[in-house]
């Protein structure tokens, strides 16, 4: 039963730290543009250059 004297304040302090971290992220603007970041990864920044082939075969050694 004496362990509750230690665990109760510890859990309250841990909860307050979690709330403080959440408020800190709100003030920093972490949640301002949630949908933009999710869609930004799907959009290409620039079109690939024509005639530029990324999948070139490896050079073969013909010297024997």
PDB file of N, CA and C in Angstrom:
ATOM      1  N   UNK A   1       0.819  -1.189   0.000  1.00  0.00           N
ATOM      2  CA  UNK A   1       0.000   0.000   0.000  1.00  0.00           C
ATOM      3  C   UNK A   1       0.866   1.258   0.000  1.00  0.00           C
ATOM      4  N   UNK A   2       2.077   1.155   0.512  1.00  0.00           N
ATOM      5  CA  UNK A   2       2.965   2.317   0.526  1.00  0.00           C
ATOM      6  C   UNK A   2       3.441   2.691  -0.874  1.00  0.00           C
ATOM      7  N   UNK A   3       3.377   1.741  -1.793  1.00  0.00           N
ATOM      8  CA  UNK A   3       3.816   2.031  -3.158  1.00  0.00           C
ATOM      9  C   UNK A   3       2.900   3.049  -3.827  1.00  0.00           C
ATOM     10  N   UNK A   4       1.639   3.118  -3.386  1.00  0.00           N
ATOM     11  CA  UNK A   4       0.717   4.098  -3.951  1.00  0.00           C
ATOM     12  C   UNK A   4       1.145   5.524  -3.634  1.00  0.00           C
ATOM     13  N   UNK A   5       1.832   5.707  -2.527  1.00  0.00           N
ATOM     14  CA  UNK A   5       2.328   7.041  -2.187  1.00  0.00           C
ATOM     15  C   UNK A   5       3.400   7.497  -3.173  1.00  0.00           C
ATOM     16  N   UNK A   6       4.029   6.568  -3.835  1.00  0.00           N
ATOM     17  CA  UNK A   6       5.032   6.900  -4.843  1.00  0.00           C
ATOM     18  C   UNK A   6       4.424   6.934  -6.246  1.00  0.00           C
ATOM     19  N   UNK A   7       3.570   5.971  -6.558  1.00  0.00           N
ATOM     20  CA  UNK A   7       3.038   5.853  -7.911  1.00  0.00           C
ATOM     21  C   UNK A   7       1.998   6.920  -8.250  1.00  0.00           C
ATOM     22  N   UNK A   8       1.188   7.332  -7.304  1.00  0.00           N
ATOM     23  CA  UNK A   8       0.156   8.334  -7.585  1.00  0.00           C
ATOM     24  C   UNK A   8       0.772   9.676  -8.000  1.00  0.00           C
ATOM     25  N   UNK A   9       1.709  10.240  -7.255  1.00  0.00           N
ATOM     26  CA  UNK A   9       2.319  11.493  -7.715  1.00  0.00           C
ATOM     27  C   UNK A   9       3.119  11.321  -9.008  1.00  0.00           C
ATOM     28  N   UNK A  10       3.742  10.161  -9.161  1.00  0.00           N
ATOM     29  CA  UNK A  10       4.507   9.905 -10.376  1.00  0.00           C
ATOM     30  C   UNK A  10       3.601   9.903 -11.604  1.00  0.00           C
ATOM     31  N   UNK A  11       2.438   9.292 -11.510  1.00  0.00           N
ATOM     32  CA  UNK A  11       1.520   9.248 -12.646  1.00  0.00           C
ATOM     33  C   UNK A  11       0.927  10.625 -12.937  1.00  0.00           C
ATOM     34  N   UNK A  12       0.686  11.420 -11.906  1.00  0.00           N
ATOM     35  CA  UNK A  12       0.179  12.777 -12.114  1.00  0.00           C
ATOM     36  C   UNK A  12       1.236  13.628 -12.811  1.00  0.00           C
ATOM     37  N   UNK A  13       2.480  13.516 -12.386  1.00  0.00           N
ATOM     38  CA  UNK A  13       3.569  14.275 -13.013  1.00  0.00           C
ATOM     39  C   UNK A  13       3.753  13.838 -14.462  1.00  0.00           C
ATOM     40  N   UNK A  14       3.681  12.542 -14.718  1.00  0.00           N
ATOM     41  CA  UNK A  14       3.819  12.032 -16.078  1.00  0.00           C
ATOM     42  C   UNK A  14       2.676  12.523 -16.967  1.00  0.00           C
ATOM     43  N   UNK A  15       1.474  12.566 -16.436  1.00  0.00           N
ATOM     44  CA  UNK A  15       0.334  13.087 -17.189  1.00  0.00           C
ATOM     45  C   UNK A  15       0.479  14.565 -17.491  1.00  0.00           C
ATOM     46  N   UNK A  16       0.972  15.335 -16.529  1.00  0.00           N
ATOM     47  CA  UNK A  16       1.191  16.764 -16.758  1.00  0.00           C
ATOM     48  C   UNK A  16       2.275  16.999 -17.802  1.00  0.00           C
ATOM     49  N   UNK A  17       3.296  16.160 -17.807  1.00  0.00           N
ATOM     50  CA  UNK A  17       4.336  16.274 -18.830  1.00  0.00           C
ATOM     51  C   UNK A  17       3.775  15.974 -20.222  1.00  0.00           C
ATOM     52  N   UNK A  18       2.888  15.002 -20.316  1.00  0.00           N
ATOM     53  CA  UNK A  18       2.268  14.674 -21.602  1.00  0.00           C
ATOM     54  C   UNK A  18       1.395  15.824 -22.092  1.00  0.00           C
ATOM     55  N   UNK A  19       0.641  16.427 -21.202  1.00  0.00           N
ATOM     56  CA  UNK A  19      -0.196  17.574 -21.578  1.00  0.00           C
ATOM     57  C   UNK A  19       0.681  18.751 -21.987  1.00  0.00           C
ATOM     58  N   UNK A  20       1.770  18.988 -21.269  1.00  0.00           N
ATOM     59  CA  UNK A  20       2.683  20.079 -21.614  1.00  0.00           C
ATOM     60  C   UNK A  20       3.316  19.850 -22.985  1.00  0.00           C
ATOM     61  N   UNK A  21       3.684  18.611 -23.291  1.00  0.00           N
ATOM     62  CA  UNK A  21       4.255  18.309 -24.605  1.00  0.00           C
ATOM     63  C   UNK A  21       3.226  18.529 -25.709  1.00  0.00           C
ATOM     64  N   UNK A  22       1.988  18.167 -25.463  1.00  0.00           N
ATOM     65  CA  UNK A  22       0.930  18.373 -26.449  1.00  0.00           C
ATOM     66  C   UNK A  22       0.684  19.861 -26.687  1.00  0.00           C
ATOM     67  N   UNK A  23       0.635  20.649 -25.629  1.00  0.00           N
ATOM     68  CA  UNK A  23       0.433  22.094 -25.770  1.00  0.00           C
ATOM     69  C   UNK A  23       1.614  22.719 -26.500  1.00  0.00           C
ATOM     70  N   UNK A  24       2.806  22.241 -26.224  1.00  0.00           N
ATOM     71  CA  UNK A  24       4.006  22.752 -26.889  1.00  0.00           C
ATOM     72  C   UNK A  24       3.934  22.503 -28.400  1.00  0.00           C
ATOM     73  N   UNK A  25       3.491  21.304 -28.799  1.00  0.00           N
ATOM     74  CA  UNK A  25       3.375  21.022 -30.226  1.00  0.00           C
ATOM     75  C   UNK A  25       2.264  21.839 -30.872  1.00  0.00           C
ATOM     76  N   UNK A  26       1.198  22.120 -30.140  1.00  0.00           N
ATOM     77  CA  UNK A  26       0.145  22.975 -30.685  1.00  0.00           C
ATOM     78  C   UNK A  26       0.659  24.383 -30.942  1.00  0.00           C
ATOM     79  N   UNK A  27       1.405  24.923 -30.003  1.00  0.00           N
ATOM     80  CA  UNK A  27       1.928  26.285 -30.162  1.00  0.00           C
ATOM     81  C   UNK A  27       3.006  26.367 -31.229  1.00  0.00           C
ATOM     82  N   UNK A  28       3.710  25.267 -31.473  1.00  0.00           N
ATOM     83  CA  UNK A  28       4.762  25.251 -32.490  1.00  0.00           C
ATOM     84  C   UNK A  28       4.193  25.087 -33.894  1.00  0.00           C
ATOM     85  N   UNK A  29       2.894  24.832 -34.015  1.00  0.00           N
ATOM     86  CA  UNK A  29       2.272  24.705 -35.320  1.00  0.00           C
ATOM     87  C   UNK A  29       2.397  23.327 -35.930  1.00  0.00           C
ATOM     88  N   UNK A  30       2.575  22.333 -35.108  1.00  0.00           N
ATOM     89  CA  UNK A  30       2.752  20.966 -35.597  1.00  0.00           C
ATOM     90  C   UNK A  30       1.514  20.462 -36.331  1.00  0.00           C
ATOM     91  N   UNK A  31       0.340  20.883 -35.924  1.00  0.00           N
ATOM     92  CA  UNK A  31      -0.900  20.355 -36.477  1.00  0.00           C
ATOM     93  C   UNK A  31      -1.612  21.354 -37.383  1.00  0.00           C
ATOM     94  N   UNK A  32      -0.912  22.357 -37.896  1.00  0.00           N
ATOM     95  CA  UNK A  32      -1.553  23.372 -38.723  1.00  0.00           C
ATOM     96  C   UNK A  32      -1.988  22.833 -40.082  1.00  0.00           C
ATOM     97  N   UNK A  33      -1.136  22.052 -40.725  1.00  0.00           N
ATOM     98  CA  UNK A  33      -1.426  21.568 -42.074  1.00  0.00           C
ATOM     99  C   UNK A  33      -1.241  20.059 -42.117  1.00  0.00           C
ATOM    100  N   UNK A  34      -2.204  19.346 -41.574  1.00  0.00           N
ATOM    101  CA  UNK A  34      -2.087  17.888 -41.492  1.00  0.00           C
ATOM    102  C   UNK A  34      -2.253  17.255 -42.867  1.00  0.00           C
ATOM    103  N   UNK A  35      -3.217  17.716 -43.634  1.00  0.00           N
ATOM    104  CA  UNK A  35      -3.509  17.088 -44.919  1.00  0.00           C
ATOM    105  C   UNK A  35      -2.464  17.438 -45.978  1.00  0.00           C
ATOM    106  N   UNK A  36      -1.864  18.593 -45.899  1.00  0.00           N
ATOM    107  CA  UNK A  36      -0.886  19.004 -46.906  1.00  0.00           C
ATOM    108  C   UNK A  36       0.336  18.112 -46.935  1.00  0.00           C
ATOM    109  N   UNK A  37       0.831  17.728 -45.789  1.00  0.00           N
ATOM    110  CA  UNK A  37       2.006  16.868 -45.738  1.00  0.00           C
ATOM    111  C   UNK A  37       1.700  15.480 -46.270  1.00  0.00           C
ATOM    112  N   UNK A  38       0.508  15.004 -46.035  1.00  0.00           N
ATOM    113  CA  UNK A  38       0.140  13.672 -46.515  1.00  0.00           C
ATOM    114  C   UNK A  38       0.011  13.650 -48.033  1.00  0.00           C
ATOM    115  N   UNK A  39      -0.448  14.736 -48.621  1.00  0.00           N
ATOM    116  CA  UNK A  39      -0.613  14.779 -50.072  1.00  0.00           C
ATOM    117  C   UNK A  39       0.652  15.227 -50.782  1.00  0.00           C
ATOM    118  N   UNK A  40       1.519  15.932 -50.117  1.00  0.00           N
ATOM    119  CA  UNK A  40       2.731  16.454 -50.737  1.00  0.00           C
ATOM    120  C   UNK A  40       3.658  15.338 -51.205  1.00  0.00           C
ATOM    121  N   UNK A  41       3.666  14.223 -50.502  1.00  0.00           N
ATOM    122  CA  UNK A  41       4.548  13.129 -50.875  1.00  0.00           C
ATOM    123  C   UNK A  41       4.082  12.441 -52.157  1.00  0.00           C
ATOM    124  N   UNK A  42       2.808  12.584 -52.497  1.00  0.00           N
ATOM    125  CA  UNK A  42       2.271  11.939 -53.690  1.00  0.00           C
ATOM    126  C   UNK A  42       2.491  12.751 -54.959  1.00  0.00           C
ATOM    127  N   UNK A  43       2.817  14.024 -54.837  1.00  0.00           N
ATOM    128  CA  UNK A  43       2.949  14.912 -55.984  1.00  0.00           C
ATOM    129  C   UNK A  43       4.421  15.022 -56.359  1.00  0.00           C
ATOM    130  N   UNK A  44       4.726  14.816 -57.655  1.00  0.00           N
ATOM    131  CA  UNK A  44       6.095  14.981 -58.141  1.00  0.00           C
ATOM    132  C   UNK A  44       6.432  16.459 -58.204  1.00  0.00           C
ATOM    133  N   UNK A  45       7.663  16.798 -57.850  1.00  0.00           N
ATOM    134  CA  UNK A  45       8.083  18.190 -57.878  1.00  0.00           C
ATOM    135  C   UNK A  45       8.345  18.677 -59.300  1.00  0.00           C
ATOM    136  N   UNK A  46       8.988  17.863 -60.101  1.00  0.00           N
ATOM    137  CA  UNK A  46       9.308  18.267 -61.456  1.00  0.00           C
ATOM    138  C   UNK A  46       9.185  17.063 -62.381  1.00  0.00           C
ATOM    139  N   UNK A  47       8.942  17.354 -63.647  1.00  0.00           N
ATOM    140  CA  UNK A  47       8.802  16.281 -64.629  1.00  0.00           C
ATOM    141  C   UNK A  47      10.185  15.751 -64.999  1.00  0.00           C
ATOM    142  N   UNK A  48      10.303  14.467 -65.288  1.00  0.00           N
ATOM    143  CA  UNK A  48      11.604  13.926 -65.696  1.00  0.00           C
ATOM    144  C   UNK A  48      11.996  14.453 -67.071  1.00  0.00           C
ATOM    145  N   UNK A  49      13.298  14.593 -67.295  1.00  0.00           N
ATOM    146  CA  UNK A  49      13.787  15.092 -68.576  1.00  0.00           C
ATOM    147  C   UNK A  49      13.603  14.029 -69.654  1.00  0.00           C
ATOM    148  N   UNK A  50      13.159  14.433 -70.848  1.00  0.00           N
ATOM    149  CA  UNK A  50      12.979  13.436 -71.912  1.00  0.00           C
ATOM    150  C   UNK A  50      14.333  12.912 -72.395  1.00  0.00           C
ATOM    151  N   UNK A  51      14.365  11.655 -72.734  1.00  0.00           N
ATOM    152  CA  UNK A  51      15.591  11.037 -73.239  1.00  0.00           C
ATOM    153  C   UNK A  51      16.541  10.588 -72.152  1.00  0.00           C
ATOM    154  N   UNK A  52      16.237  10.866 -70.915  1.00  0.00           N
ATOM    155  CA  UNK A  52      17.107  10.471 -69.812  1.00  0.00           C
ATOM    156  C   UNK A  52      16.560   9.183 -69.220  1.00  0.00           C
ATOM    157  N   UNK A  53      17.281   8.105 -69.415  1.00  0.00           N
ATOM    158  CA  UNK A  53      16.830   6.795 -68.952  1.00  0.00           C
ATOM    159  C   UNK A  53      17.616   6.424 -67.703  1.00  0.00           C
ATOM    160  N   UNK A  54      16.909   6.221 -66.614  1.00  0.00           N
ATOM    161  CA  UNK A  54      17.585   5.901 -65.356  1.00  0.00           C
ATOM    162  C   UNK A  54      18.030   4.446 -65.298  1.00  0.00           C
ATOM    163  N   UNK A  55      17.355   3.569 -66.024  1.00  0.00           N
ATOM    164  CA  UNK A  55      17.662   2.140 -65.964  1.00  0.00           C
ATOM    165  C   UNK A  55      18.576   1.760 -67.125  1.00  0.00           C
ATOM    166  N   UNK A  56      19.832   2.156 -67.070  1.00  0.00           N
ATOM    167  CA  UNK A  56      20.800   1.810 -68.106  1.00  0.00           C
ATOM    168  C   UNK A  56      21.447   0.479 -67.750  1.00  0.00           C
ATOM    169  N   UNK A  57      21.721  -0.352 -68.751  1.00  0.00           N
ATOM    170  CA  UNK A  57      22.388  -1.626 -68.450  1.00  0.00           C
ATOM    171  C   UNK A  57      23.832  -1.397 -68.027  1.00  0.00           C
ATOM    172  N   UNK A  58      24.353  -2.312 -67.243  1.00  0.00           N
ATOM    173  CA  UNK A  58      25.738  -2.218 -66.784  1.00  0.00           C
ATOM    174  C   UNK A  58      26.676  -2.452 -67.959  1.00  0.00           C
ATOM    175  N   UNK A  59      27.793  -1.733 -67.993  1.00  0.00           N
ATOM    176  CA  UNK A  59      28.739  -1.942 -69.103  1.00  0.00           C
ATOM    177  C   UNK A  59      29.347  -3.344 -69.032  1.00  0.00           C
ATOM    178  N   UNK A  60      29.528  -3.931 -70.202  1.00  0.00           N
ATOM    179  CA  UNK A  60      30.110  -5.275 -70.251  1.00  0.00           C
ATOM    180  C   UNK A  60      31.598  -5.175 -70.522  1.00  0.00           C
ATOM    181  N   UNK A  61      32.343  -6.099 -69.985  1.00  0.00           N
ATOM    182  CA  UNK A  61      33.793  -6.122 -70.156  1.00  0.00           C
ATOM    183  C   UNK A  61      34.117  -6.936 -71.407  1.00  0.00           C
ATOM    184  N   UNK A  62      34.614  -6.265 -72.450  1.00  0.00           N
ATOM    185  CA  UNK A  62      34.910  -6.945 -73.713  1.00  0.00           C
ATOM    186  C   UNK A  62      36.399  -7.173 -73.909  1.00  0.00           C
ATOM    187  N   UNK A  63      37.215  -6.869 -72.893  1.00  0.00           N
ATOM    188  CA  UNK A  63      38.666  -7.035 -73.047  1.00  0.00           C
ATOM    189  C   UNK A  63      39.094  -8.472 -72.842  1.00  0.00           C
ATOM    190  N   UNK A  64      38.252  -9.301 -72.343  1.00  0.00           N
ATOM    191  CA  UNK A  64      38.556 -10.713 -72.286  1.00  0.00           C
ATOM    192  C   UNK A  64      39.008 -11.192 -71.008  1.00  0.00           C
TER     193      UNK A  64
END
